PDB file of N, CA and C in Angstrom:
ATOM      1  N   MET A   1     -20.288  75.464 -63.237  1.00  0.00           N
ATOM      2  CA  MET A   1     -21.370  76.449 -62.908  1.00  0.00           C
ATOM      3  C   MET A   1     -22.552  76.350 -63.728  1.00  0.00           C
ATOM      4  N   LYS A   2     -23.695  76.603 -63.244  1.00  0.00           N
ATOM      5  CA  LYS A   2     -24.943  76.477 -64.045  1.00  0.00           C
ATOM      6  C   LYS A   2     -25.219  77.723 -64.958  1.00  0.00           C
ATOM      7  N   ILE A   3     -24.395  78.715 -64.810  1.00  0.00           N
ATOM      8  CA  ILE A   3     -24.695  80.065 -65.452  1.00  0.00           C
ATOM      9  C   ILE A   3     -24.232  79.759 -66.875  1.00  0.00           C
ATOM     10  N   THR A   4     -25.362  80.239 -67.808  1.00  0.00           N
ATOM     11  CA  THR A   4     -24.900  80.039 -69.253  1.00  0.00           C
ATOM     12  C   THR A   4     -25.322  81.394 -70.006  1.00  0.00           C
ATOM     13  N   PHE A   5     -24.715  81.592 -71.069  1.00  0.00           N
ATOM     14  CA  PHE A   5     -24.818  82.879 -71.778  1.00  0.00           C
ATOM     15  C   PHE A   5     -25.118  82.655 -73.331  1.00  0.00           C
ATOM     16  N   LEU A   6     -25.782  83.361 -73.986  1.00  0.00           N
ATOM     17  CA  LEU A   6     -26.202  83.302 -75.217  1.00  0.00           C
ATOM     18  C   LEU A   6     -25.086  83.715 -76.137  1.00  0.00           C
ATOM     19  N   GLY A   7     -24.133  84.334 -75.720  1.00  0.00           N
ATOM     20  CA  GLY A   7     -22.960  84.773 -76.573  1.00  0.00           C
ATOM     21  C   GLY A   7     -22.132  85.665 -75.840  1.00  0.00           C
ATOM     22  N   THR A   8     -20.929  85.965 -76.224  1.00  0.00           N
ATOM     23  CA  THR A   8     -19.875  86.870 -75.721  1.00  0.00           C
ATOM     24  C   THR A   8     -19.412  87.984 -76.783  1.00  0.00           C
ATOM     25  N   GLY A   9     -19.160  89.099 -76.367  1.00  0.00           N
ATOM     26  CA  GLY A   9     -18.582  90.107 -77.309  1.00  0.00           C
ATOM     27  C   GLY A   9     -16.967  89.918 -77.260  1.00  0.00           C
ATOM     28  N   THR A  10     -16.399  90.518 -78.176  1.00  0.00           N
ATOM     29  CA  THR A  10     -14.885  90.486 -78.076  1.00  0.00           C
ATOM     30  C   THR A  10     -14.348  91.470 -77.121  1.00  0.00           C
ATOM     31  N   SER A  11     -15.028  92.443 -76.613  1.00  0.00           N
ATOM     32  CA  SER A  11     -14.536  93.502 -75.725  1.00  0.00           C
ATOM     33  C   SER A  11     -14.853  93.296 -74.337  1.00  0.00           C
ATOM     34  N   HIS A  12     -15.451  92.160 -73.977  1.00  0.00           N
ATOM     35  CA  HIS A  12     -15.883  91.913 -72.478  1.00  0.00           C
ATOM     36  C   HIS A  12     -15.517  90.450 -72.134  1.00  0.00           C
ATOM     37  N   GLU A  13     -15.143  90.284 -70.905  1.00  0.00           N
ATOM     38  CA  GLU A  13     -14.961  88.968 -70.560  1.00  0.00           C
ATOM     39  C   GLU A  13     -16.181  88.168 -70.210  1.00  0.00           C
ATOM     40  N   SER A  14     -16.128  86.843 -70.374  1.00  0.00           N
ATOM     41  CA  SER A  14     -17.279  86.138 -70.041  1.00  0.00           C
ATOM     42  C   SER A  14     -17.124  85.844 -68.627  1.00  0.00           C
ATOM     43  N   ILE A  15     -18.180  85.323 -67.940  1.00  0.00           N
ATOM     44  CA  ILE A  15     -18.171  85.164 -66.580  1.00  0.00           C
ATOM     45  C   ILE A  15     -17.003  84.031 -66.199  1.00  0.00           C
ATOM     46  N   GLN A  16     -16.909  83.108 -66.908  1.00  0.00           N
ATOM     47  CA  GLN A  16     -15.729  82.174 -66.708  1.00  0.00           C
ATOM     48  C   GLN A  16     -14.456  82.694 -66.841  1.00  0.00           C
ATOM     49  N   GLU A  17     -14.128  83.652 -67.766  1.00  0.00           N
ATOM     50  CA  GLU A  17     -12.898  84.288 -68.055  1.00  0.00           C
ATOM     51  C   GLU A  17     -12.669  85.188 -66.737  1.00  0.00           C
ATOM     52  N   ALA A  18     -13.626  85.922 -66.177  1.00  0.00           N
ATOM     53  CA  ALA A  18     -13.592  86.770 -65.121  1.00  0.00           C
ATOM     54  C   ALA A  18     -13.261  86.000 -63.792  1.00  0.00           C
ATOM     55  N   LEU A  19     -13.832  84.697 -63.733  1.00  0.00           N
ATOM     56  CA  LEU A  19     -13.574  83.943 -62.435  1.00  0.00           C
ATOM     57  C   LEU A  19     -12.198  83.386 -62.528  1.00  0.00           C
ATOM     58  N   GLU A  20     -11.782  83.105 -63.744  1.00  0.00           N
ATOM     59  CA  GLU A  20     -10.436  82.523 -63.947  1.00  0.00           C
ATOM     60  C   GLU A  20      -9.408  83.662 -63.401  1.00  0.00           C
ATOM     61  N   ASN A  21      -9.526  84.855 -63.831  1.00  0.00           N
ATOM     62  CA  ASN A  21      -8.771  86.062 -63.462  1.00  0.00           C
ATOM     63  C   ASN A  21      -8.833  86.377 -62.004  1.00  0.00           C
ATOM     64  N   ILE A  22      -9.983  86.212 -61.405  1.00  0.00           N
ATOM     65  CA  ILE A  22     -10.174  86.464 -60.047  1.00  0.00           C
ATOM     66  C   ILE A  22      -9.417  85.260 -59.249  1.00  0.00           C
ATOM     67  N   LYS A  23      -9.522  84.090 -59.643  1.00  0.00           N
ATOM     68  CA  LYS A  23      -8.686  83.094 -59.072  1.00  0.00           C
ATOM     69  C   LYS A  23      -7.202  83.314 -59.072  1.00  0.00           C
ATOM     70  N   ARG A  24      -6.686  83.642 -60.213  1.00  0.00           N
ATOM     71  CA  ARG A  24      -5.431  84.015 -60.408  1.00  0.00           C
ATOM     72  C   ARG A  24      -4.800  85.306 -59.578  1.00  0.00           C
ATOM     73  N   ILE A  25      -5.734  86.232 -59.544  1.00  0.00           N
ATOM     74  CA  ILE A  25      -5.326  87.440 -58.882  1.00  0.00           C
ATOM     75  C   ILE A  25      -5.508  87.273 -57.309  1.00  0.00           C
ATOM     76  N   GLN A  26      -6.390  86.518 -56.830  1.00  0.00           N
ATOM     77  CA  GLN A  26      -6.895  86.358 -55.386  1.00  0.00           C
ATOM     78  C   GLN A  26      -7.095  87.457 -54.576  1.00  0.00           C
ATOM     79  N   PRO A  27      -7.967  88.336 -55.170  1.00  0.00           N
ATOM     80  CA  PRO A  27      -8.420  89.674 -54.384  1.00  0.00           C
ATOM     81  C   PRO A  27      -9.261  89.087 -53.088  1.00  0.00           C
ATOM     82  N   LYS A  28      -9.511  90.056 -52.191  1.00  0.00           N
ATOM     83  CA  LYS A  28     -10.280  89.795 -51.082  1.00  0.00           C
ATOM     84  C   LYS A  28     -11.814  89.672 -51.420  1.00  0.00           C
ATOM     85  N   ALA A  29     -12.317  90.426 -52.288  1.00  0.00           N
ATOM     86  CA  ALA A  29     -13.566  90.415 -52.789  1.00  0.00           C
ATOM     87  C   ALA A  29     -13.527  90.932 -54.214  1.00  0.00           C
ATOM     88  N   SER A  30     -14.484  90.416 -54.976  1.00  0.00           N
ATOM     89  CA  SER A  30     -14.624  90.836 -56.428  1.00  0.00           C
ATOM     90  C   SER A  30     -16.139  91.099 -56.680  1.00  0.00           C
ATOM     91  N   TYR A  31     -16.415  92.192 -57.410  1.00  0.00           N
ATOM     92  CA  TYR A  31     -17.802  92.582 -57.826  1.00  0.00           C
ATOM     93  C   TYR A  31     -17.859  92.622 -59.449  1.00  0.00           C
ATOM     94  N   LEU A  32     -18.647  91.674 -59.805  1.00  0.00           N
ATOM     95  CA  LEU A  32     -18.788  91.497 -61.341  1.00  0.00           C
ATOM     96  C   LEU A  32     -19.822  92.703 -61.745  1.00  0.00           C
ATOM     97  N   ILE A  33     -19.356  93.411 -62.876  1.00  0.00           N
ATOM     98  CA  ILE A  33     -20.111  94.604 -63.250  1.00  0.00           C
ATOM     99  C   ILE A  33     -20.517  94.329 -64.761  1.00  0.00           C
ATOM    100  N   HIS A  34     -21.587  95.158 -65.124  1.00  0.00           N
ATOM    101  CA  HIS A  34     -21.955  95.173 -66.479  1.00  0.00           C
ATOM    102  C   HIS A  34     -22.578  93.845 -67.007  1.00  0.00           C
ATOM    103  N   MET A  35     -23.246  93.186 -66.284  1.00  0.00           N
ATOM    104  CA  MET A  35     -23.910  91.800 -66.568  1.00  0.00           C
ATOM    105  C   MET A  35     -25.190  92.004 -67.414  1.00  0.00           C
ATOM    106  N   SER A  36     -25.381  91.184 -68.202  1.00  0.00           N
ATOM    107  CA  SER A  36     -26.770  91.084 -68.991  1.00  0.00           C
ATOM    108  C   SER A  36     -27.825  90.621 -68.059  1.00  0.00           C
ATOM    109  N   HIS A  37     -29.024  91.105 -68.534  1.00  0.00           N
ATOM    110  CA  HIS A  37     -30.180  90.591 -67.742  1.00  0.00           C
ATOM    111  C   HIS A  37     -30.425  88.998 -67.999  1.00  0.00           C
ATOM    112  N   ARG A  38     -29.724  88.587 -69.089  1.00  0.00           N
ATOM    113  CA  ARG A  38     -30.100  87.170 -69.578  1.00  0.00           C
ATOM    114  C   ARG A  38     -29.236  86.098 -68.642  1.00  0.00           C
ATOM    115  N   ILE A  39     -28.466  86.581 -67.518  1.00  0.00           N
ATOM    116  CA  ILE A  39     -27.857  85.663 -66.882  1.00  0.00           C
ATOM    117  C   ILE A  39     -28.891  85.051 -65.840  1.00  0.00           C
ATOM    118  N   GLY A  40     -29.876  85.694 -65.548  1.00  0.00           N
ATOM    119  CA  GLY A  40     -30.821  85.149 -64.529  1.00  0.00           C
ATOM    120  C   GLY A  40     -31.024  86.160 -63.422  1.00  0.00           C
ATOM    121  N   LEU A  41     -31.700  85.642 -62.378  1.00  0.00           N
ATOM    122  CA  LEU A  41     -31.950  86.428 -61.033  1.00  0.00           C
ATOM    123  C   LEU A  41     -30.748  86.620 -60.390  1.00  0.00           C
ATOM    124  N   HIS A  42     -30.629  87.788 -59.886  1.00  0.00           N
ATOM    125  CA  HIS A  42     -29.414  88.178 -59.095  1.00  0.00           C
ATOM    126  C   HIS A  42     -29.171  87.160 -57.826  1.00  0.00           C
ATOM    127  N   ALA A  43     -30.217  86.845 -57.157  1.00  0.00           N
ATOM    128  CA  ALA A  43     -30.046  86.087 -55.986  1.00  0.00           C
ATOM    129  C   ALA A  43     -29.615  84.691 -56.362  1.00  0.00           C
ATOM    130  N   GLU A  44     -30.214  84.211 -57.370  1.00  0.00           N
ATOM    131  CA  GLU A  44     -29.971  82.816 -57.927  1.00  0.00           C
ATOM    132  C   GLU A  44     -28.539  82.783 -58.457  1.00  0.00           C
ATOM    133  N   VAL A  45     -28.059  83.699 -59.264  1.00  0.00           N
ATOM    134  CA  VAL A  45     -26.774  83.664 -59.794  1.00  0.00           C
ATOM    135  C   VAL A  45     -25.808  83.820 -58.678  1.00  0.00           C
ATOM    136  N   GLU A  46     -25.865  84.593 -57.733  1.00  0.00           N
ATOM    137  CA  GLU A  46     -24.853  84.694 -56.709  1.00  0.00           C
ATOM    138  C   GLU A  46     -24.608  83.464 -55.923  1.00  0.00           C
ATOM    139  N   LYS A  47     -25.665  82.577 -55.804  1.00  0.00           N
ATOM    140  CA  LYS A  47     -25.569  81.292 -55.219  1.00  0.00           C
ATOM    141  C   LYS A  47     -24.484  80.412 -55.930  1.00  0.00           C
ATOM    142  N   GLU A  48     -24.371  80.606 -57.289  1.00  0.00           N
ATOM    143  CA  GLU A  48     -23.600  79.897 -58.049  1.00  0.00           C
ATOM    144  C   GLU A  48     -22.138  80.339 -58.014  1.00  0.00           C
ATOM    145  N   LEU A  49     -21.902  81.595 -57.583  1.00  0.00           N
ATOM    146  CA  LEU A  49     -20.504  82.189 -57.649  1.00  0.00           C
ATOM    147  C   LEU A  49     -19.693  81.796 -56.405  1.00  0.00           C
ATOM    148  N   PRO A  50     -18.348  81.662 -56.480  1.00  0.00           N
ATOM    149  CA  PRO A  50     -17.403  81.388 -55.618  1.00  0.00           C
ATOM    150  C   PRO A  50     -17.618  82.285 -54.421  1.00  0.00           C
ATOM    151  N   PRO A  51     -17.098  81.970 -53.103  1.00  0.00           N
ATOM    152  CA  PRO A  51     -17.137  82.835 -51.994  1.00  0.00           C
ATOM    153  C   PRO A  51     -16.388  84.093 -52.404  1.00  0.00           C
ATOM    154  N   ASN A  52     -16.794  85.289 -51.797  1.00  0.00           N
ATOM    155  CA  ASN A  52     -16.201  86.471 -52.104  1.00  0.00           C
ATOM    156  C   ASN A  52     -16.296  87.120 -53.472  1.00  0.00           C
ATOM    157  N   VAL A  53     -17.257  86.513 -54.386  1.00  0.00           N
ATOM    158  CA  VAL A  53     -17.373  87.049 -55.575  1.00  0.00           C
ATOM    159  C   VAL A  53     -18.901  87.335 -55.718  1.00  0.00           C
ATOM    160  N   TYR A  54     -19.271  88.604 -56.200  1.00  0.00           N
ATOM    161  CA  TYR A  54     -20.634  89.121 -55.990  1.00  0.00           C
ATOM    162  C   TYR A  54     -20.954  89.689 -57.333  1.00  0.00           C
ATOM    163  N   LEU A  55     -22.172  89.765 -57.659  1.00  0.00           N
ATOM    164  CA  LEU A  55     -22.769  90.697 -58.763  1.00  0.00           C
ATOM    165  C   LEU A  55     -23.066  92.088 -58.159  1.00  0.00           C
ATOM    166  N   SER A  56     -22.507  93.080 -58.855  1.00  0.00           N
ATOM    167  CA  SER A  56     -22.794  94.361 -58.488  1.00  0.00           C
ATOM    168  C   SER A  56     -24.228  94.705 -58.882  1.00  0.00           C
ATOM    169  N   TYR A  57     -24.695  95.900 -58.527  1.00  0.00           N
ATOM    170  CA  TYR A  57     -26.051  96.314 -58.725  1.00  0.00           C
ATOM    171  C   TYR A  57     -26.068  97.826 -58.568  1.00  0.00           C
ATOM    172  N   ASP A  58     -27.176  98.440 -59.322  1.00  0.00           N
ATOM    173  CA  ASP A  58     -27.376  99.935 -59.245  1.00  0.00           C
ATOM    174  C   ASP A  58     -27.460 100.264 -57.849  1.00  0.00           C
ATOM    175  N   GLY A  59     -26.674 101.429 -57.428  1.00  0.00           N
ATOM    176  CA  GLY A  59     -26.690 101.903 -56.071  1.00  0.00           C
ATOM    177  C   GLY A  59     -25.877 101.268 -55.118  1.00  0.00           C
ATOM    178  N   LEU A  60     -24.970 100.241 -55.578  1.00  0.00           N
ATOM    179  CA  LEU A  60     -24.038  99.579 -54.746  1.00  0.00           C
ATOM    180  C   LEU A  60     -23.038 100.500 -54.259  1.00  0.00           C
ATOM    181  N   THR A  61     -22.661 100.491 -52.938  1.00  0.00           N
ATOM    182  CA  THR A  61     -21.612 101.432 -52.328  1.00  0.00           C
ATOM    183  C   THR A  61     -20.572 100.339 -51.851  1.00  0.00           C
ATOM    184  N   VAL A  62     -19.259 100.543 -52.324  1.00  0.00           N
ATOM    185  CA  VAL A  62     -18.256  99.606 -51.896  1.00  0.00           C
ATOM    186  C   VAL A  62     -17.353 100.536 -50.943  1.00  0.00           C
ATOM    187  N   HIS A  63     -17.041 100.018 -49.760  1.00  0.00           N
ATOM    188  CA  HIS A  63     -16.224 100.811 -48.778  1.00  0.00           C
ATOM    189  C   HIS A  63     -14.815 100.088 -48.822  1.00  0.00           C
ATOM    190  N   LEU A  64     -13.863 100.917 -49.231  1.00  0.00           N
ATOM    191  CA  LEU A  64     -12.504 100.478 -49.246  1.00  0.00           C
ATOM    192  C   LEU A  64     -11.700 100.644 -48.048  1.00  0.00           C
TER     193      LEU A  64
END
C-alpha cells in the first residue's frame, strides 16, 4: 500500500494491523474509523484499500 503514517500510538491499530485483522476475520464489509487527516484525501486513500474496506466519515449511516 502507498498509505504511510508519521507514527502510531500504543492504543490504536495501524492501517496495516487493521487490514491484517480484517483479512483474518473476513467480514462482508469493514469501515475504518478514527483516522488522522495525515493519511491523505479520502477518495485517494480508498482507492488503495482492499475491496469491501472503506474509510468512515462524519454522518455515515451503516444499515445492518
